[in-house]
């Protein structure tokens, strides 16, 4: 009997172990666990590049320091503040990204299956993109306050001593709304970012691996390409979001009181010209490209082993 069962296991239908997705009846905790692991891995590994991107995008903070390229920014930060400053704010990111990505991927999977009528073979780029958008809305509600604290920490080494002190200072001086002032801009950024990324990921995935077999290389490549393209085209919105999230430590009174979506774009253009809307594009692409590759590969791997 044992030998018979072993043979059955060895000859089992490979579709039972589909790498591309879990069945409709899969436990929500599988998606949550895989998503949390993916989010933490993605952000921790690429964090220094994200810090450089923030420094290149900030407006009205440390006017005597100009961050122009990745190498110049890393050198400037390292010599004036120490290498550890490249990791400032990582505590806030780590605390928020795990739960936020867990919610993100769980929402994505369930929405994707719902839109395809529960049949994974009917999932198309449109369904994948819309599911990515739904996941983004859920993710950003949870992650935005942590992201505000993270970027405040990244933008200045003098303003706050820790993520906790930063959080307390924002609440005391600016109120709860300061933690969500960038939420509309964050949605404006992340909805197209994730819709483009998820849709392209599905396209690249199907093109590179039509059989939908277990293929980590396919997920790395698809994740990297989709993330790079999505990151590049949404950089202007990211610049506006950075201005909103770092407004509290700006030396410019106009920036400290800015709200809404349109005004940040106007200030950036007035300060740097239209090219200012693409400041930080290279570190943004270089951080998101491996980040999405890591995130998708980690997520799919955990789904597979779970």
C-alpha atoms as a PDB file:
ATOM      1  CA  UNK A   1       0.000   0.000   0.000  1.00  0.00           C
ATOM      2  CA  UNK A   2       2.840   2.396   0.903  1.00  0.00           C
ATOM      3  CA  UNK A   3       4.615   1.615  -2.362  1.00  0.00           C
ATOM      4  CA  UNK A   4       1.407   2.193  -4.297  1.00  0.00           C
ATOM      5  CA  UNK A   5       0.824   5.558  -2.601  1.00  0.00           C
ATOM      6  CA  UNK A   6       4.400   6.587  -3.322  1.00  0.00           C
ATOM      7  CA  UNK A   7       3.923   5.829  -7.004  1.00  0.00           C
ATOM      8  CA  UNK A   8       0.742   7.838  -7.026  1.00  0.00           C
ATOM      9  CA  UNK A   9       2.560  10.803  -5.508  1.00  0.00           C
ATOM     10  CA  UNK A  10       5.401  10.575  -8.006  1.00  0.00           C
ATOM     11  CA  UNK A  11       2.999  10.351 -10.937  1.00  0.00           C
ATOM     12  CA  UNK A  12       0.658  13.016  -9.667  1.00  0.00           C
ATOM     13  CA  UNK A  13      -0.676  15.575 -12.091  1.00  0.00           C
ATOM     14  CA  UNK A  14       1.889  18.393 -12.253  1.00  0.00           C
ATOM     15  CA  UNK A  15      -0.953  20.911 -12.417  1.00  0.00           C
ATOM     16  CA  UNK A  16      -1.601  20.096  -8.766  1.00  0.00           C
ATOM     17  CA  UNK A  17       1.606  21.957  -7.986  1.00  0.00           C
ATOM     18  CA  UNK A  18       1.014  24.948 -10.234  1.00  0.00           C
ATOM     19  CA  UNK A  19       3.608  27.627  -9.554  1.00  0.00           C
ATOM     20  CA  UNK A  20       1.533  30.370 -11.111  1.00  0.00           C
ATOM     21  CA  UNK A  21      -1.289  30.431  -8.638  1.00  0.00           C
ATOM     22  CA  UNK A  22      -3.063  28.776  -5.778  1.00  0.00           C
ATOM     23  CA  UNK A  23      -6.466  27.240  -6.199  1.00  0.00           C
ATOM     24  CA  UNK A  24      -9.637  29.119  -5.456  1.00  0.00           C
ATOM     25  CA  UNK A  25      -9.957  27.209  -2.178  1.00  0.00           C
ATOM     26  CA  UNK A  26      -6.428  28.007  -1.001  1.00  0.00           C
ATOM     27  CA  UNK A  27      -6.204  29.409   2.503  1.00  0.00           C
ATOM     28  CA  UNK A  28      -6.081  33.187   2.738  1.00  0.00           C
ATOM     29  CA  UNK A  29      -3.208  32.722   5.204  1.00  0.00           C
ATOM     30  CA  UNK A  30      -1.072  31.277   2.406  1.00  0.00           C
ATOM     31  CA  UNK A  31      -1.473  34.478   0.417  1.00  0.00           C
ATOM     32  CA  UNK A  32      -0.862  36.601   3.516  1.00  0.00           C
ATOM     33  CA  UNK A  33       2.324  34.747   4.456  1.00  0.00           C
ATOM     34  CA  UNK A  34       3.706  34.745   0.922  1.00  0.00           C
ATOM     35  CA  UNK A  35       2.862  38.422   0.458  1.00  0.00           C
ATOM     36  CA  UNK A  36       4.458  39.496   3.740  1.00  0.00           C
ATOM     37  CA  UNK A  37       7.675  37.626   2.952  1.00  0.00           C
ATOM     38  CA  UNK A  38       7.768  39.133  -0.538  1.00  0.00           C
ATOM     39  CA  UNK A  39       7.269  42.693   0.713  1.00  0.00           C
ATOM     40  CA  UNK A  40       9.973  42.547   3.354  1.00  0.00           C
ATOM     41  CA  UNK A  41      12.496  40.923   0.999  1.00  0.00           C
ATOM     42  CA  UNK A  42      11.789  43.468  -1.728  1.00  0.00           C
ATOM     43  CA  UNK A  43      12.256  46.578   0.396  1.00  0.00           C
ATOM     44  CA  UNK A  44      15.158  45.516   2.617  1.00  0.00           C
ATOM     45  CA  UNK A  45      17.455  44.538  -0.243  1.00  0.00           C
ATOM     46  CA  UNK A  46      16.855  47.693  -2.315  1.00  0.00           C
ATOM     47  CA  UNK A  47      16.498  50.189   0.546  1.00  0.00           C
ATOM     48  CA  UNK A  48      19.716  52.238   0.011  1.00  0.00           C
ATOM     49  CA  UNK A  49      18.697  52.978  -3.584  1.00  0.00           C
ATOM     50  CA  UNK A  50      15.292  54.110  -2.350  1.00  0.00           C
ATOM     51  CA  UNK A  51      17.020  56.464   0.095  1.00  0.00           C
ATOM     52  CA  UNK A  52      19.094  57.950  -2.728  1.00  0.00           C
ATOM     53  CA  UNK A  53      15.941  58.422  -4.821  1.00  0.00           C
ATOM     54  CA  UNK A  54      14.268  60.325  -1.987  1.00  0.00           C
ATOM     55  CA  UNK A  55      17.270  62.638  -1.549  1.00  0.00           C
ATOM     56  CA  UNK A  56      17.303  63.397  -5.285  1.00  0.00           C
ATOM     57  CA  UNK A  57      13.577  64.228  -5.274  1.00  0.00           C
ATOM     58  CA  UNK A  58      13.218  66.363  -2.141  1.00  0.00           C
ATOM     59  CA  UNK A  59      12.484  70.063  -2.622  1.00  0.00           C
ATOM     60  CA  UNK A  60      13.303  72.818  -0.107  1.00  0.00           C
ATOM     61  CA  UNK A  61      15.230  70.585   2.324  1.00  0.00           C
ATOM     62  CA  UNK A  62      18.989  71.044   2.866  1.00  0.00           C
ATOM     63  CA  UNK A  63      19.305  73.557   0.044  1.00  0.00           C
ATOM     64  CA  UNK A  64      23.095  73.612   0.328  1.00  0.00           C
ATOM     65  CA  UNK A  65      23.245  69.912  -0.577  1.00  0.00           C
ATOM     66  CA  UNK A  66      22.460  68.916  -4.145  1.00  0.00           C
ATOM     67  CA  UNK A  67      21.964  65.262  -4.989  1.00  0.00           C
ATOM     68  CA  UNK A  68      22.434  64.756  -8.717  1.00  0.00           C
ATOM     69  CA  UNK A  69      23.541  61.182  -9.483  1.00  0.00           C
ATOM     70  CA  UNK A  70      23.516  57.866  -7.638  1.00  0.00           C
ATOM     71  CA  UNK A  71      27.283  57.740  -7.077  1.00  0.00           C
ATOM     72  CA  UNK A  72      27.480  61.409  -6.058  1.00  0.00           C
ATOM     73  CA  UNK A  73      24.516  61.022  -3.695  1.00  0.00           C
ATOM     74  CA  UNK A  74      25.932  57.898  -2.032  1.00  0.00           C
ATOM     75  CA  UNK A  75      29.306  59.610  -1.627  1.00  0.00           C
ATOM     76  CA  UNK A  76      27.754  62.795  -0.245  1.00  0.00           C
ATOM     77  CA  UNK A  77      25.527  60.981   2.235  1.00  0.00           C
ATOM     78  CA  UNK A  78      28.347  58.675   3.338  1.00  0.00           C
ATOM     79  CA  UNK A  79      30.881  61.462   3.899  1.00  0.00           C
ATOM     80  CA  UNK A  80      28.546  63.951   5.584  1.00  0.00           C
ATOM     81  CA  UNK A  81      26.313  61.619   7.582  1.00  0.00           C
ATOM     82  CA  UNK A  82      27.885  58.156   7.499  1.00  0.00           C
ATOM     83  CA  UNK A  83      26.999  55.064   5.496  1.00  0.00           C
ATOM     84  CA  UNK A  84      24.340  54.067   8.033  1.00  0.00           C
ATOM     85  CA  UNK A  85      22.236  57.035   6.913  1.00  0.00           C
ATOM     86  CA  UNK A  86      21.415  55.114   3.743  1.00  0.00           C
ATOM     87  CA  UNK A  87      19.364  52.823   5.995  1.00  0.00           C
ATOM     88  CA  UNK A  88      17.559  55.520   8.000  1.00  0.00           C
ATOM     89  CA  UNK A  89      13.834  54.772   8.251  1.00  0.00           C
ATOM     90  CA  UNK A  90      14.157  51.077   7.489  1.00  0.00           C
ATOM     91  CA  UNK A  91      12.416  50.212  10.774  1.00  0.00           C
ATOM     92  CA  UNK A  92       9.246  51.966   9.652  1.00  0.00           C
ATOM     93  CA  UNK A  93       9.440  50.282   6.264  1.00  0.00           C
ATOM     94  CA  UNK A  94       9.923  46.829   7.809  1.00  0.00           C
ATOM     95  CA  UNK A  95       7.020  47.281  10.222  1.00  0.00           C
ATOM     96  CA  UNK A  96       4.635  48.418   7.512  1.00  0.00           C
ATOM     97  CA  UNK A  97       5.666  46.499   4.402  1.00  0.00           C
ATOM     98  CA  UNK A  98       5.035  42.998   5.772  1.00  0.00           C
ATOM     99  CA  UNK A  99       1.368  43.487   6.735  1.00  0.00           C
ATOM    100  CA  UNK A 100       0.720  45.839   3.789  1.00  0.00           C
ATOM    101  CA  UNK A 101       2.122  43.424   1.204  1.00  0.00           C
ATOM    102  CA  UNK A 102       0.286  40.535   2.827  1.00  0.00           C
ATOM    103  CA  UNK A 103      -2.985  42.425   2.376  1.00  0.00           C
ATOM    104  CA  UNK A 104      -1.901  43.481  -1.103  1.00  0.00           C
ATOM    105  CA  UNK A 105      -1.247  40.010  -2.488  1.00  0.00           C
ATOM    106  CA  UNK A 106      -4.231  38.445  -0.733  1.00  0.00           C
ATOM    107  CA  UNK A 107      -6.542  41.050  -2.259  1.00  0.00           C
ATOM    108  CA  UNK A 108      -4.858  40.618  -5.645  1.00  0.00           C
ATOM    109  CA  UNK A 109      -5.292  36.833  -5.712  1.00  0.00           C
ATOM    110  CA  UNK A 110      -8.907  36.829  -4.586  1.00  0.00           C
ATOM    111  CA  UNK A 111      -9.883  39.661  -6.933  1.00  0.00           C
ATOM    112  CA  UNK A 112      -8.102  38.020  -9.873  1.00  0.00           C
ATOM    113  CA  UNK A 113      -9.956  34.749  -9.309  1.00  0.00           C
ATOM    114  CA  UNK A 114     -13.261  36.564  -8.874  1.00  0.00           C
ATOM    115  CA  UNK A 115     -12.831  38.464 -12.155  1.00  0.00           C
ATOM    116  CA  UNK A 116     -11.977  35.243 -13.976  1.00  0.00           C
ATOM    117  CA  UNK A 117     -14.970  33.391 -12.552  1.00  0.00           C
ATOM    118  CA  UNK A 118     -12.720  31.209 -10.428  1.00  0.00           C
ATOM    119  CA  UNK A 119     -10.981  29.749 -13.494  1.00  0.00           C
ATOM    120  CA  UNK A 120      -7.244  30.530 -13.585  1.00  0.00           C
ATOM    121  CA  UNK A 121      -7.052  29.604 -17.278  1.00  0.00           C
ATOM    122  CA  UNK A 122      -9.323  32.573 -18.062  1.00  0.00           C
ATOM    123  CA  UNK A 123      -7.141  35.176 -16.310  1.00  0.00           C
ATOM    124  CA  UNK A 124      -6.060  37.858 -18.796  1.00  0.00           C
ATOM    125  CA  UNK A 125      -3.932  41.042 -18.499  1.00  0.00           C
ATOM    126  CA  UNK A 126      -7.039  43.161 -17.852  1.00  0.00           C
ATOM    127  CA  UNK A 127      -8.139  40.984 -14.922  1.00  0.00           C
ATOM    128  CA  UNK A 128      -4.584  40.888 -13.582  1.00  0.00           C
ATOM    129  CA  UNK A 129      -4.273  44.666 -13.877  1.00  0.00           C
ATOM    130  CA  UNK A 130      -7.611  45.377 -12.169  1.00  0.00           C
ATOM    131  CA  UNK A 131      -6.749  42.920  -9.413  1.00  0.00           C
ATOM    132  CA  UNK A 132      -3.443  44.715  -8.949  1.00  0.00           C
ATOM    133  CA  UNK A 133      -5.340  47.982  -8.602  1.00  0.00           C
ATOM    134  CA  UNK A 134      -7.641  46.523  -5.948  1.00  0.00           C
ATOM    135  CA  UNK A 135      -4.649  45.211  -4.046  1.00  0.00           C
ATOM    136  CA  UNK A 136      -3.001  48.640  -4.241  1.00  0.00           C
ATOM    137  CA  UNK A 137      -5.969  50.437  -2.660  1.00  0.00           C
ATOM    138  CA  UNK A 138      -5.901  48.035   0.286  1.00  0.00           C
ATOM    139  CA  UNK A 139      -2.103  48.167   0.560  1.00  0.00           C
ATOM    140  CA  UNK A 140      -1.842  51.970   0.554  1.00  0.00           C
ATOM    141  CA  UNK A 141      -4.424  52.503   3.291  1.00  0.00           C
ATOM    142  CA  UNK A 142      -2.190  50.526   5.618  1.00  0.00           C
ATOM    143  CA  UNK A 143       1.244  51.522   4.287  1.00  0.00           C
ATOM    144  CA  UNK A 144       0.982  55.296   3.733  1.00  0.00           C
ATOM    145  CA  UNK A 145       1.702  56.400   7.345  1.00  0.00           C
ATOM    146  CA  UNK A 146       4.736  54.103   7.495  1.00  0.00           C
ATOM    147  CA  UNK A 147       5.922  55.460   4.149  1.00  0.00           C
ATOM    148  CA  UNK A 148       5.606  59.050   5.366  1.00  0.00           C
ATOM    149  CA  UNK A 149       7.773  58.261   8.384  1.00  0.00           C
ATOM    150  CA  UNK A 150      10.251  56.390   6.186  1.00  0.00           C
ATOM    151  CA  UNK A 151      10.691  59.279   3.769  1.00  0.00           C
ATOM    152  CA  UNK A 152      10.994  61.847   6.548  1.00  0.00           C
ATOM    153  CA  UNK A 153      13.804  59.749   7.989  1.00  0.00           C
ATOM    154  CA  UNK A 154      15.429  59.352   4.578  1.00  0.00           C
ATOM    155  CA  UNK A 155      15.225  63.058   3.761  1.00  0.00           C
ATOM    156  CA  UNK A 156      17.069  64.399   6.787  1.00  0.00           C
ATOM    157  CA  UNK A 157      19.476  62.956   9.324  1.00  0.00           C
ATOM    158  CA  UNK A 158      19.000  65.886  11.684  1.00  0.00           C
ATOM    159  CA  UNK A 159      15.227  66.168  12.012  1.00  0.00           C
ATOM    160  CA  UNK A 160      14.497  62.865  13.806  1.00  0.00           C
ATOM    161  CA  UNK A 161      16.482  60.376  15.874  1.00  0.00           C
ATOM    162  CA  UNK A 162      14.328  57.306  15.177  1.00  0.00           C
ATOM    163  CA  UNK A 163      11.218  56.166  13.337  1.00  0.00           C
ATOM    164  CA  UNK A 164       9.226  56.220  16.577  1.00  0.00           C
ATOM    165  CA  UNK A 165      10.314  59.768  17.440  1.00  0.00           C
ATOM    166  CA  UNK A 166       9.481  60.808  13.884  1.00  0.00           C
ATOM    167  CA  UNK A 167       5.995  59.330  14.159  1.00  0.00           C
ATOM    168  CA  UNK A 168       5.374  61.039  17.501  1.00  0.00           C
ATOM    169  CA  UNK A 169       6.704  64.365  16.198  1.00  0.00           C
ATOM    170  CA  UNK A 170       4.436  64.300  13.145  1.00  0.00           C
ATOM    171  CA  UNK A 171       1.379  63.576  15.293  1.00  0.00           C
ATOM    172  CA  UNK A 172       2.264  66.275  17.828  1.00  0.00           C
ATOM    173  CA  UNK A 173       3.170  69.055  15.370  1.00  0.00           C
ATOM    174  CA  UNK A 174       1.092  68.309  12.291  1.00  0.00           C
ATOM    175  CA  UNK A 175      -1.684  65.968  13.377  1.00  0.00           C
ATOM    176  CA  UNK A 176      -2.947  62.648  12.046  1.00  0.00           C
ATOM    177  CA  UNK A 177      -3.831  64.126   8.657  1.00  0.00           C
ATOM    178  CA  UNK A 178      -0.125  64.674   7.924  1.00  0.00           C
ATOM    179  CA  UNK A 179       0.272  60.901   7.810  1.00  0.00           C
ATOM    180  CA  UNK A 180      -2.364  60.698   5.069  1.00  0.00           C
ATOM    181  CA  UNK A 181      -1.899  64.010   3.200  1.00  0.00           C
ATOM    182  CA  UNK A 182      -0.098  62.068   0.469  1.00  0.00           C
ATOM    183  CA  UNK A 183      -2.681  59.274   0.217  1.00  0.00           C
ATOM    184  CA  UNK A 184      -4.421  60.690  -2.898  1.00  0.00           C
ATOM    185  CA  UNK A 185      -1.022  61.172  -4.563  1.00  0.00           C
ATOM    186  CA  UNK A 186       0.037  57.712  -3.411  1.00  0.00           C
ATOM    187  CA  UNK A 187      -3.033  56.169  -5.031  1.00  0.00           C
ATOM    188  CA  UNK A 188      -2.486  58.281  -8.139  1.00  0.00           C
ATOM    189  CA  UNK A 189       1.041  56.868  -8.242  1.00  0.00           C
ATOM    190  CA  UNK A 190       0.515  53.273  -7.205  1.00  0.00           C
ATOM    191  CA  UNK A 191      -2.702  52.489  -9.074  1.00  0.00           C
ATOM    192  CA  UNK A 192      -1.183  53.016 -12.531  1.00  0.00           C
ATOM    193  CA  UNK A 193       2.142  51.636 -11.306  1.00  0.00           C
ATOM    194  CA  UNK A 194       0.629  48.371 -10.119  1.00  0.00           C
ATOM    195  CA  UNK A 195      -1.920  48.040 -12.906  1.00  0.00           C
ATOM    196  CA  UNK A 196       0.863  48.457 -15.477  1.00  0.00           C
ATOM    197  CA  UNK A 197       3.193  46.173 -13.536  1.00  0.00           C
ATOM    198  CA  UNK A 198       0.673  43.370 -12.971  1.00  0.00           C
ATOM    199  CA  UNK A 199      -0.636  43.505 -16.526  1.00  0.00           C
ATOM    200  CA  UNK A 200       2.881  43.472 -18.020  1.00  0.00           C
ATOM    201  CA  UNK A 201       3.950  40.744 -15.599  1.00  0.00           C
ATOM    202  CA  UNK A 202       1.121  38.566 -16.869  1.00  0.00           C
ATOM    203  CA  UNK A 203       2.046  39.324 -20.498  1.00  0.00           C
ATOM    204  CA  UNK A 204       5.768  38.612 -20.020  1.00  0.00           C
ATOM    205  CA  UNK A 205       5.008  35.540 -17.933  1.00  0.00           C
ATOM    206  CA  UNK A 206       2.767  33.998 -20.591  1.00  0.00           C
ATOM    207  CA  UNK A 207       5.203  34.891 -23.385  1.00  0.00           C
ATOM    208  CA  UNK A 208       8.279  33.486 -21.662  1.00  0.00           C
ATOM    209  CA  UNK A 209       6.562  30.482 -20.115  1.00  0.00           C
ATOM    210  CA  UNK A 210       3.414  29.488 -22.075  1.00  0.00           C
ATOM    211  CA  UNK A 211       3.187  26.162 -20.218  1.00  0.00           C
ATOM    212  CA  UNK A 212       2.980  28.030 -16.872  1.00  0.00           C
ATOM    213  CA  UNK A 213       5.478  25.522 -15.480  1.00  0.00           C
ATOM    214  CA  UNK A 214       7.645  25.983 -12.401  1.00  0.00           C
ATOM    215  CA  UNK A 215      10.262  28.472 -13.627  1.00  0.00           C
ATOM    216  CA  UNK A 216      11.856  30.919 -11.162  1.00  0.00           C
ATOM    217  CA  UNK A 217      13.876  32.493 -13.978  1.00  0.00           C
ATOM    218  CA  UNK A 218      10.646  33.411 -15.735  1.00  0.00           C
ATOM    219  CA  UNK A 219       9.327  35.158 -12.634  1.00  0.00           C
ATOM    220  CA  UNK A 220      12.588  37.023 -12.058  1.00  0.00           C
ATOM    221  CA  UNK A 221      12.684  38.257 -15.651  1.00  0.00           C
ATOM    222  CA  UNK A 222       8.972  39.082 -15.873  1.00  0.00           C
ATOM    223  CA  UNK A 223       9.011  40.874 -12.528  1.00  0.00           C
ATOM    224  CA  UNK A 224      12.102  42.912 -13.391  1.00  0.00           C
ATOM    225  CA  UNK A 225      10.861  44.019 -16.822  1.00  0.00           C
ATOM    226  CA  UNK A 226       7.345  44.897 -15.686  1.00  0.00           C
ATOM    227  CA  UNK A 227       8.644  46.748 -12.624  1.00  0.00           C
ATOM    228  CA  UNK A 228      11.203  48.779 -14.583  1.00  0.00           C
ATOM    229  CA  UNK A 229       8.692  49.982 -17.175  1.00  0.00           C
ATOM    230  CA  UNK A 230       6.043  50.819 -14.585  1.00  0.00           C
ATOM    231  CA  UNK A 231       8.565  52.667 -12.399  1.00  0.00           C
ATOM    232  CA  UNK A 232       9.879  54.808 -15.249  1.00  0.00           C
ATOM    233  CA  UNK A 233       6.515  56.051 -16.519  1.00  0.00           C
ATOM    234  CA  UNK A 234       5.196  56.920 -13.030  1.00  0.00           C
ATOM    235  CA  UNK A 235       8.271  58.849 -11.790  1.00  0.00           C
ATOM    236  CA  UNK A 236       6.618  62.323 -12.037  1.00  0.00           C
ATOM    237  CA  UNK A 237       3.856  61.251  -9.642  1.00  0.00           C
ATOM    238  CA  UNK A 238       6.470  59.797  -7.295  1.00  0.00           C
ATOM    239  CA  UNK A 239       8.254  63.164  -7.208  1.00  0.00           C
ATOM    240  CA  UNK A 240       4.986  64.866  -6.199  1.00  0.00           C
ATOM    241  CA  UNK A 241       4.378  62.252  -3.506  1.00  0.00           C
ATOM    242  CA  UNK A 242       7.868  62.764  -2.082  1.00  0.00           C
ATOM    243  CA  UNK A 243       7.283  66.516  -1.832  1.00  0.00           C
ATOM    244  CA  UNK A 244       4.035  65.955   0.082  1.00  0.00           C
ATOM    245  CA  UNK A 245       5.539  63.394   2.451  1.00  0.00           C
ATOM    246  CA  UNK A 246       8.593  65.515   3.285  1.00  0.00           C
ATOM    247  CA  UNK A 247       6.817  68.873   3.439  1.00  0.00           C
ATOM    248  CA  UNK A 248       7.034  69.027   7.238  1.00  0.00           C
ATOM    249  CA  UNK A 249      10.836  69.405   7.216  1.00  0.00           C
ATOM    250  CA  UNK A 250      11.020  71.819   4.271  1.00  0.00           C
ATOM    251  CA  UNK A 251      12.685  75.221   4.670  1.00  0.00           C
ATOM    252  CA  UNK A 252      10.073  76.701   2.310  1.00  0.00           C
ATOM    253  CA  UNK A 253       6.869  77.885   4.030  1.00  0.00           C
ATOM    254  CA  UNK A 254       4.906  77.361   0.801  1.00  0.00           C
ATOM    255  CA  UNK A 255       5.918  73.694   0.693  1.00  0.00           C
ATOM    256  CA  UNK A 256       5.154  73.152   4.386  1.00  0.00           C
ATOM    257  CA  UNK A 257       1.515  74.084   3.782  1.00  0.00           C
ATOM    258  CA  UNK A 258       1.027  72.425   0.400  1.00  0.00           C
ATOM    259  CA  UNK A 259      -1.833  69.972  -0.110  1.00  0.00           C
ATOM    260  CA  UNK A 260      -3.588  68.381  -3.039  1.00  0.00           C
ATOM    261  CA  UNK A 261      -2.229  66.889  -6.235  1.00  0.00           C
ATOM    262  CA  UNK A 262      -1.679  69.815  -8.632  1.00  0.00           C
ATOM    263  CA  UNK A 263       0.399  72.171  -6.438  1.00  0.00           C
ATOM    264  CA  UNK A 264       3.323  69.759  -5.878  1.00  0.00           C
ATOM    265  CA  UNK A 265       3.770  69.443  -9.662  1.00  0.00           C
ATOM    266  CA  UNK A 266       3.757  73.246 -10.019  1.00  0.00           C
ATOM    267  CA  UNK A 267       6.388  73.696  -7.304  1.00  0.00           C
ATOM    268  CA  UNK A 268       8.657  71.027  -8.779  1.00  0.00           C
ATOM    269  CA  UNK A 269       8.440  72.559 -12.256  1.00  0.00           C
ATOM    270  CA  UNK A 270       9.090  76.065 -10.882  1.00  0.00           C
ATOM    271  CA  UNK A 271      12.131  74.791  -8.978  1.00  0.00           C
ATOM    272  CA  UNK A 272      13.749  72.394 -11.457  1.00  0.00           C
ATOM    273  CA  UNK A 273      11.830  72.806 -14.714  1.00  0.00           C
ATOM    274  CA  UNK A 274       9.938  69.950 -16.382  1.00  0.00           C
ATOM    275  CA  UNK A 275      13.006  67.725 -16.069  1.00  0.00           C
ATOM    276  CA  UNK A 276      12.482  67.961 -12.299  1.00  0.00           C
ATOM    277  CA  UNK A 277       9.518  65.627 -12.675  1.00  0.00           C
ATOM    278  CA  UNK A 278      11.976  62.874 -13.532  1.00  0.00           C
ATOM    279  CA  UNK A 279      14.519  63.478 -10.793  1.00  0.00           C
ATOM    280  CA  UNK A 280      15.493  60.189  -9.219  1.00  0.00           C
ATOM    281  CA  UNK A 281      14.250  58.112 -12.160  1.00  0.00           C
ATOM    282  CA  UNK A 282      17.413  55.983 -12.361  1.00  0.00           C
ATOM    283  CA  UNK A 283      17.599  54.955  -8.663  1.00  0.00           C
ATOM    284  CA  UNK A 284      13.816  54.498  -8.731  1.00  0.00           C
ATOM    285  CA  UNK A 285      14.014  52.095 -11.684  1.00  0.00           C
ATOM    286  CA  UNK A 286      17.106  50.368 -10.288  1.00  0.00           C
ATOM    287  CA  UNK A 287      15.410  49.827  -6.926  1.00  0.00           C
ATOM    288  CA  UNK A 288      11.988  48.802  -8.218  1.00  0.00           C
ATOM    289  CA  UNK A 289      13.355  46.565 -11.002  1.00  0.00           C
ATOM    290  CA  UNK A 290      15.147  44.083  -8.700  1.00  0.00           C
ATOM    291  CA  UNK A 291      12.532  44.790  -6.045  1.00  0.00           C
ATOM    292  CA  UNK A 292       9.660  43.523  -8.169  1.00  0.00           C
ATOM    293  CA  UNK A 293      11.788  40.609  -9.370  1.00  0.00           C
ATOM    294  CA  UNK A 294      12.544  39.663  -5.757  1.00  0.00           C
ATOM    295  CA  UNK A 295       8.967  40.270  -4.667  1.00  0.00           C
ATOM    296  CA  UNK A 296       7.357  38.129  -7.382  1.00  0.00           C
ATOM    297  CA  UNK A 297       9.921  35.339  -7.076  1.00  0.00           C
ATOM    298  CA  UNK A 298       9.641  35.244  -3.280  1.00  0.00           C
ATOM    299  CA  UNK A 299       5.858  35.384  -3.430  1.00  0.00           C
ATOM    300  CA  UNK A 300       5.548  32.612  -5.999  1.00  0.00           C
ATOM    301  CA  UNK A 301       8.100  30.480  -4.151  1.00  0.00           C
ATOM    302  CA  UNK A 302       6.221  30.729  -0.866  1.00  0.00           C
ATOM    303  CA  UNK A 303       2.953  29.971  -2.614  1.00  0.00           C
ATOM    304  CA  UNK A 304       4.607  26.897  -4.106  1.00  0.00           C
ATOM    305  CA  UNK A 305       6.048  25.499  -0.861  1.00  0.00           C
ATOM    306  CA  UNK A 306       2.954  26.359   1.151  1.00  0.00           C
END
